[in-house]
């Protein structure tokens, strides 16, 4: 079977988890397929000794690339998510020391803005298909098939889907709905032409709750058909998201940002691989460290 023009990438900050994550990735899947892996990271956190050990013990085709980061200049500090003290989620568990999480959300949403500040590195632009994992993703058991096969007819494939929502989800999707409706109006997208039936009904009937209960991707193992997404106009939608600043202001994630676009443009938007149900994959390793903050809080 022909190997795809594809790569695996991740944004890593948990130095203690990454080696275990990559070990399982290769042992239970990538040793059979040999796709290159790109480890992006914000700060200078990986020593030459660490990188050499990874390459020697796991694969020479693992590439470490540091990227710059920073809050876009049009977003005011007082508007950042951690300053929204009227939200229970912020008060309970999102202090300023989690600034790095907001940089991460910007990174995982802007999947095609290669080489721009805080985004995927330029080397990833050469691939037709990209798999995003986290640095604590756990490939538990042997997966025989080439997972990139599943995005030949889908824009997105994912390890598993979910559709529950609670107050925490509402607080991290604040203003997403009106920004999405503005996008539809600006680009003259007829609500009746929205491809997904549930999202179409949400817009036509004004029932925002139906948006919240869409089947979202797991995020920590997503596979993207880059040409399908870009050709469908992904840049227009992401420009709206970035101009408003939703990833920094409200902690919007790639699940919602990319998911809404996919459901708008494609009848078959997401291929659910059901890897979790098959006990082949878990979103976190058995022991996972808390992701540390970025070193420069002023950026």
Protein backbone atom coordinates (compact mmCIF):
# COMPACT_ATOMS: atom_id res chain seq x y z
CA UNK A 1 0.00 0.00 0.00
CA UNK A 2 1.28 3.45 -0.93
CA UNK A 3 2.39 5.59 1.95
CA UNK A 4 0.66 8.95 2.19
CA UNK A 5 2.35 12.35 2.08
CA UNK A 6 1.64 12.83 5.76
CA UNK A 7 3.19 13.71 9.10
CA UNK A 8 2.40 13.68 12.82
CA UNK A 9 2.81 16.83 14.91
CA UNK A 10 2.32 17.95 18.47
CA UNK A 11 2.87 20.96 20.68
CA UNK A 12 4.82 19.78 23.70
CA UNK A 13 5.56 21.25 27.10
CA UNK A 14 5.57 18.13 29.31
CA UNK A 15 9.14 16.97 28.99
CA UNK A 16 8.53 14.11 31.40
CA UNK A 17 5.58 12.72 29.38
CA UNK A 18 6.80 13.18 25.83
CA UNK A 19 9.26 10.28 25.77
CA UNK A 20 6.63 7.85 27.00
CA UNK A 21 4.07 9.19 24.54
CA UNK A 22 6.43 8.78 21.58
CA UNK A 23 7.49 5.32 22.73
CA UNK A 24 3.89 4.08 22.68
CA UNK A 25 3.16 5.91 19.40
CA UNK A 26 5.95 4.04 17.64
CA UNK A 27 5.55 0.70 19.41
CA UNK A 28 1.83 0.43 18.76
CA UNK A 29 1.45 2.21 15.44
CA UNK A 30 4.14 4.28 13.75
CA UNK A 31 6.85 1.61 13.64
CA UNK A 32 4.70 -0.03 10.96
CA UNK A 33 4.26 3.13 8.91
CA UNK A 34 7.26 5.38 9.47
CA UNK A 35 5.65 8.80 9.30
CA UNK A 36 7.82 11.74 10.40
CA UNK A 37 7.00 13.34 13.74
CA UNK A 38 7.41 17.05 14.48
CA UNK A 39 7.62 18.15 18.09
CA UNK A 40 6.85 21.85 18.27
CA UNK A 41 7.53 23.68 21.53
CA UNK A 42 7.36 27.30 22.68
CA UNK A 43 10.42 27.63 24.89
CA UNK A 44 13.92 26.15 24.91
CA UNK A 45 12.90 23.19 27.07
CA UNK A 46 14.53 20.24 25.29
CA UNK A 47 18.25 19.74 25.71
CA UNK A 48 20.52 18.32 23.04
CA UNK A 49 21.02 15.28 25.26
CA UNK A 50 17.26 14.72 25.51
CA UNK A 51 16.74 15.09 21.75
CA UNK A 52 19.65 12.74 21.00
CA UNK A 53 18.21 10.11 23.32
CA UNK A 54 14.79 10.33 21.67
CA UNK A 55 16.28 9.99 18.20
CA UNK A 56 18.53 7.11 19.23
CA UNK A 57 15.96 5.12 21.22
CA UNK A 58 12.81 5.81 19.20
CA UNK A 59 13.41 7.27 15.72
CA UNK A 60 15.77 9.56 13.84
CA UNK A 61 12.71 10.93 12.05
CA UNK A 62 11.51 12.89 15.09
CA UNK A 63 12.15 16.61 14.66
CA UNK A 64 12.19 19.19 17.46
CA UNK A 65 11.32 22.74 16.40
CA UNK A 66 10.99 25.72 18.72
CA UNK A 67 8.42 28.35 17.73
CA UNK A 68 7.86 31.93 18.80
CA UNK A 69 4.64 32.91 20.55
CA UNK A 70 2.83 36.01 21.74
CA UNK A 71 -0.61 37.50 22.25
CA UNK A 72 -1.73 39.29 19.06
CA UNK A 73 -1.32 43.05 19.41
CA UNK A 74 -5.02 43.83 18.91
CA UNK A 75 -6.06 41.82 21.99
CA UNK A 76 -5.92 43.75 25.25
CA UNK A 77 -4.50 42.12 28.37
CA UNK A 78 -7.69 42.78 30.35
CA UNK A 79 -9.67 40.81 27.75
CA UNK A 80 -7.66 37.61 28.18
CA UNK A 81 -9.61 34.63 29.44
CA UNK A 82 -7.96 34.47 32.87
CA UNK A 83 -9.23 37.95 33.65
CA UNK A 84 -12.88 36.94 33.21
CA UNK A 85 -13.46 36.53 36.91
CA UNK A 86 -17.22 36.45 36.44
CA UNK A 87 -16.82 32.88 35.15
CA UNK A 88 -16.76 30.04 37.67
CA UNK A 89 -14.29 28.10 35.54
CA UNK A 90 -11.80 30.97 35.63
CA UNK A 91 -12.15 31.48 39.38
CA UNK A 92 -11.84 27.77 40.03
CA UNK A 93 -9.05 26.70 37.73
CA UNK A 94 -7.74 29.26 35.23
CA UNK A 95 -5.25 31.68 36.84
CA UNK A 96 -2.78 33.79 34.82
CA UNK A 97 -0.24 30.99 35.24
CA UNK A 98 -2.17 29.11 32.54
CA UNK A 99 -1.34 31.69 29.87
CA UNK A 100 0.45 28.96 27.94
CA UNK A 101 -2.87 27.16 27.49
CA UNK A 102 -4.22 30.14 25.52
CA UNK A 103 -1.16 30.13 23.27
CA UNK A 104 -1.80 26.41 22.78
CA UNK A 105 -5.42 26.99 21.72
CA UNK A 106 -4.28 29.52 19.13
CA UNK A 107 -1.76 26.98 17.84
CA UNK A 108 -4.16 24.04 17.51
CA UNK A 109 -6.87 26.11 15.81
CA UNK A 110 -4.66 27.73 13.18
CA UNK A 111 -3.63 24.52 11.50
CA UNK A 112 -2.71 25.99 8.11
CA UNK A 113 -0.96 29.24 9.03
CA UNK A 114 2.46 27.63 8.77
CA UNK A 115 5.39 29.63 10.06
CA UNK A 116 3.32 32.44 11.54
CA UNK A 117 3.87 33.42 15.17
CA UNK A 118 2.51 30.78 17.52
CA UNK A 119 1.51 28.42 14.69
CA UNK A 120 2.69 25.17 13.12
CA UNK A 121 6.23 25.28 11.78
CA UNK A 122 6.90 25.88 8.09
CA UNK A 123 8.21 22.34 7.58
CA UNK A 124 4.69 20.96 8.08
CA UNK A 125 3.39 22.84 5.05
CA UNK A 126 4.73 20.19 2.66
CA UNK A 127 2.28 17.48 3.76
CA UNK A 128 -1.17 16.68 2.38
CA UNK A 129 -2.36 15.12 5.65
CA UNK A 130 -1.49 16.00 9.24
CA UNK A 131 -2.16 14.10 12.44
CA UNK A 132 -2.28 16.13 15.63
CA UNK A 133 -1.63 14.38 18.94
CA UNK A 134 -0.84 15.64 22.44
CA UNK A 135 2.37 14.98 24.33
CA UNK A 136 0.45 12.69 26.69
CA UNK A 137 -1.58 10.82 24.04
CA UNK A 138 -1.56 7.08 24.78
CA UNK A 139 -1.53 4.52 21.99
CA UNK A 140 -2.43 1.62 24.26
CA UNK A 141 -2.45 -1.38 21.92
CA UNK A 142 -1.43 -2.32 18.40
CA UNK A 143 -3.28 -0.42 15.65
CA UNK A 144 -2.68 -2.20 12.38
CA UNK A 145 -4.29 0.05 9.76
CA UNK A 146 -2.83 3.24 8.37
CA UNK A 147 -4.95 5.90 10.07
CA UNK A 148 -4.27 8.35 7.25
CA UNK A 149 -6.37 6.13 4.98
CA UNK A 150 -9.47 7.48 6.72
CA UNK A 151 -9.08 11.09 5.56
CA UNK A 152 -9.18 10.35 1.86
CA UNK A 153 -12.94 11.02 1.85
CA UNK A 154 -13.26 13.06 5.06
CA UNK A 155 -11.77 16.42 6.02
CA UNK A 156 -11.23 15.23 9.61
CA UNK A 157 -10.82 11.89 11.34
CA UNK A 158 -10.62 11.49 15.11
CA UNK A 159 -9.90 8.80 17.69
CA UNK A 160 -13.36 9.25 19.27
CA UNK A 161 -16.21 11.76 19.50
CA UNK A 162 -18.28 13.14 22.36
CA UNK A 163 -21.29 15.47 22.66
CA UNK A 164 -22.06 16.19 26.33
CA UNK A 165 -21.86 19.74 27.64
CA UNK A 166 -22.06 21.50 30.97
CA UNK A 167 -21.49 24.95 32.44
CA UNK A 168 -17.75 24.67 31.92
CA UNK A 169 -18.23 24.12 28.20
CA UNK A 170 -20.59 27.09 28.01
CA UNK A 171 -18.00 29.29 29.73
CA UNK A 172 -15.26 28.30 27.28
CA UNK A 173 -17.50 28.88 24.25
CA UNK A 174 -18.62 32.36 25.23
CA UNK A 175 -19.47 34.49 22.16
CA UNK A 176 -18.61 31.64 19.76
CA UNK A 177 -22.20 31.45 18.52
CA UNK A 178 -22.61 35.14 17.57
CA UNK A 179 -19.19 35.19 15.90
CA UNK A 180 -20.17 32.11 13.89
CA UNK A 181 -23.48 33.70 12.84
CA UNK A 182 -21.63 36.85 11.81
CA UNK A 183 -19.30 34.71 9.70
CA UNK A 184 -22.26 33.13 7.91
CA UNK A 185 -23.69 36.54 7.17
CA UNK A 186 -20.41 38.10 6.07
CA UNK A 187 -19.61 35.32 3.61
CA UNK A 188 -23.22 35.00 2.45
CA UNK A 189 -23.58 31.40 3.53
CA UNK A 190 -27.27 30.52 3.38
CA UNK A 191 -28.18 28.73 6.65
CA UNK A 192 -30.19 26.24 4.59
CA UNK A 193 -26.95 25.30 2.81
CA UNK A 194 -25.16 24.30 6.02
CA UNK A 195 -24.26 20.69 5.36
CA UNK A 196 -24.78 19.17 8.81
CA UNK A 197 -28.45 18.73 9.65
CA UNK A 198 -28.14 19.45 13.38
CA UNK A 199 -26.06 22.60 12.88
CA UNK A 200 -28.38 23.75 10.11
CA UNK A 201 -31.36 23.34 12.43
CA UNK A 202 -29.52 25.21 15.19
CA UNK A 203 -29.01 28.22 12.94
CA UNK A 204 -32.40 28.19 11.22
CA UNK A 205 -34.35 27.83 14.49
CA UNK A 206 -32.00 29.90 16.66
CA UNK A 207 -31.36 27.02 19.06
CA UNK A 208 -27.78 27.52 20.19
CA UNK A 209 -27.98 24.42 22.40
CA UNK A 210 -28.04 22.24 19.30
CA UNK A 211 -24.63 23.63 18.43
CA UNK A 212 -23.29 22.71 21.85
CA UNK A 213 -24.41 19.10 21.47
CA UNK A 214 -22.78 18.42 18.12
CA UNK A 215 -20.41 15.46 18.08
CA UNK A 216 -17.01 17.01 18.70
CA UNK A 217 -13.66 15.43 17.88
CA UNK A 218 -11.39 14.33 20.70
CA UNK A 219 -8.71 16.80 19.57
CA UNK A 220 -5.80 14.85 21.03
CA UNK A 221 -5.77 12.53 18.01
CA UNK A 222 -7.17 14.37 15.02
CA UNK A 223 -6.20 13.81 11.40
CA UNK A 224 -6.70 16.56 8.84
CA UNK A 225 -7.05 16.47 5.07
CA UNK A 226 -5.42 19.83 4.54
CA UNK A 227 -6.44 20.35 0.92
CA UNK A 228 -10.11 19.62 1.60
CA UNK A 229 -10.20 22.06 4.51
CA UNK A 230 -8.27 24.87 2.81
CA UNK A 231 -10.14 24.54 -0.49
CA UNK A 232 -13.44 24.80 1.40
CA UNK A 233 -12.47 28.24 2.72
CA UNK A 234 -10.94 27.52 6.12
CA UNK A 235 -8.87 30.71 5.93
CA UNK A 236 -11.97 32.92 5.90
CA UNK A 237 -13.34 31.35 9.07
CA UNK A 238 -10.03 31.37 10.94
CA UNK A 239 -9.49 35.01 10.03
CA UNK A 240 -12.81 35.81 11.71
CA UNK A 241 -11.82 33.78 14.78
CA UNK A 242 -8.43 35.48 14.97
CA UNK A 243 -9.75 38.99 14.37
CA UNK A 244 -12.17 38.55 17.25
CA UNK A 245 -9.51 36.78 19.34
CA UNK A 246 -11.69 33.96 20.64
CA UNK A 247 -8.85 31.59 21.49
CA UNK A 248 -7.31 34.18 23.81
CA UNK A 249 -10.43 35.92 25.07
CA UNK A 250 -12.59 32.86 25.73
CA UNK A 251 -10.33 29.80 25.45
CA UNK A 252 -12.08 28.53 22.31
CA UNK A 253 -10.55 25.24 21.22
CA UNK A 254 -9.88 23.46 17.96
CA UNK A 255 -12.71 21.04 18.66
CA UNK A 256 -15.28 23.83 18.33
CA UNK A 257 -13.45 26.12 15.89
CA UNK A 258 -12.51 23.47 13.33
CA UNK A 259 -15.59 21.39 14.11
CA UNK A 260 -18.00 24.21 13.30
CA UNK A 261 -16.26 24.85 10.00
CA UNK A 262 -16.35 21.18 9.07
CA UNK A 263 -20.03 20.82 9.90
CA UNK A 264 -20.79 23.93 7.87
CA UNK A 265 -18.98 22.85 4.72
CA UNK A 266 -19.12 19.05 4.58
CA UNK A 267 -21.94 16.53 4.71
CA UNK A 268 -19.47 13.93 6.00
CA UNK A 269 -17.31 16.07 8.19
CA UNK A 270 -15.83 13.73 10.81
CA UNK A 271 -14.80 10.09 10.63
CA UNK A 272 -15.04 8.60 14.12
CA UNK A 273 -12.35 5.90 14.36
CA UNK A 274 -13.75 4.65 17.70
CA UNK A 275 -10.26 3.85 18.96
CA UNK A 276 -11.20 4.51 22.57
CA UNK A 277 -14.22 2.21 22.38
CA UNK A 278 -11.92 -0.48 20.97
CA UNK A 279 -9.51 0.04 23.91
CA UNK A 280 -6.73 1.01 21.52
CA UNK A 281 -6.25 4.61 22.58
CA UNK A 282 -6.69 6.97 25.53
CA UNK A 283 -6.30 10.75 25.53
CA UNK A 284 -3.96 10.65 28.53
CA UNK A 285 -1.15 8.43 29.70
CA UNK A 286 -1.72 6.55 33.00
CA UNK A 287 0.40 9.18 34.76
CA UNK A 288 0.27 12.65 33.23
CA UNK A 289 1.98 15.76 34.49
CA UNK A 290 0.26 19.15 34.59
CA UNK A 291 1.34 21.19 31.56
CA UNK A 292 3.68 23.99 32.72
CA UNK A 293 3.24 27.61 31.71
CA UNK A 294 5.31 29.43 29.10
CA UNK A 295 8.42 31.11 30.42
CA UNK A 296 7.59 34.61 29.20
CA UNK A 297 4.21 35.80 30.51
CA UNK A 298 4.65 39.24 28.93
CA UNK A 299 4.60 37.99 25.33
